[in-house]
Amino acid sequence: MGAAVIGTAVALDALLTAQTVWRGQPLAQPETGEPTGHAELDAALPQRGWPKRALTEVLIAADGVGELALVLPTLARMTQTKQTVVVIAPPYIPYAPAWQAQGVDLRHLEIVDASERDALWAFEQCLRSGACAAVLGWPLHADPQSLRRLQVAADSGDAIGFAFRDRKHLANPSPATLRIELDGAQAWIRKCRGTNAIAHSLALTRRH
């Protein structure tokens, strides 16, 4: 029995040396996400943070329900480390002192003024550029094909995209890696690649 095992091992080693047998590679470890700054949300996401090189949809019932508070901890950390954050055609003019009070370094924040027609194009180009850590946009009438381009652009540009959209779009499929429904301090993960949607609400308690 021992001789047979040794013979088999020698024969397999010879095949591997001759490269006639495919040798499997170790499974890659899952990438760690970008911390959201909210303890319960980080714990619920499979990468323990915002998925990198990906589009995240934030679905809201109305403007001002906490969508900026959701992402400001991440934007603050990025700009403090001299990474560029771009805001595309926001529906309201950002109040600079409030962003600064939340830790955002305004020297690394860019705001792009664009028409509704051009905003989606600018969103995609900034994601694809490789020069931006995060890009925020409000694509009002984006179809699945447009969202897919944003997802691909975020991947190729090594950026995180945040698309703020009306909650009514929950009824439609989306190519975004992550979809979050938000209402104030409560959030629901409606889609996340790598895990099932979470039905219960998450309390968005910011890390300090």
Foldseek 3Di string as FASTA:
>chain_A
DVVVVVVVVVVVVVCVVVVVDDDDDDDDDDAAAQAQQFQQVLVPAPNSHAHWLFEEEEAEADPPQCPCVRRLVSQLVCVVVVFAEEEFQDPDDDDVVVSVVSRHDCVRYYYHHDDLVCRLVVLLCVLQVLRHAEYEYANEDDDQVSQVSNSNSNNNSRHYYYYYYHNVCLVPDHPTQWYWYGGHQWIWTPHHPPDHTDDDIDGGDGHD
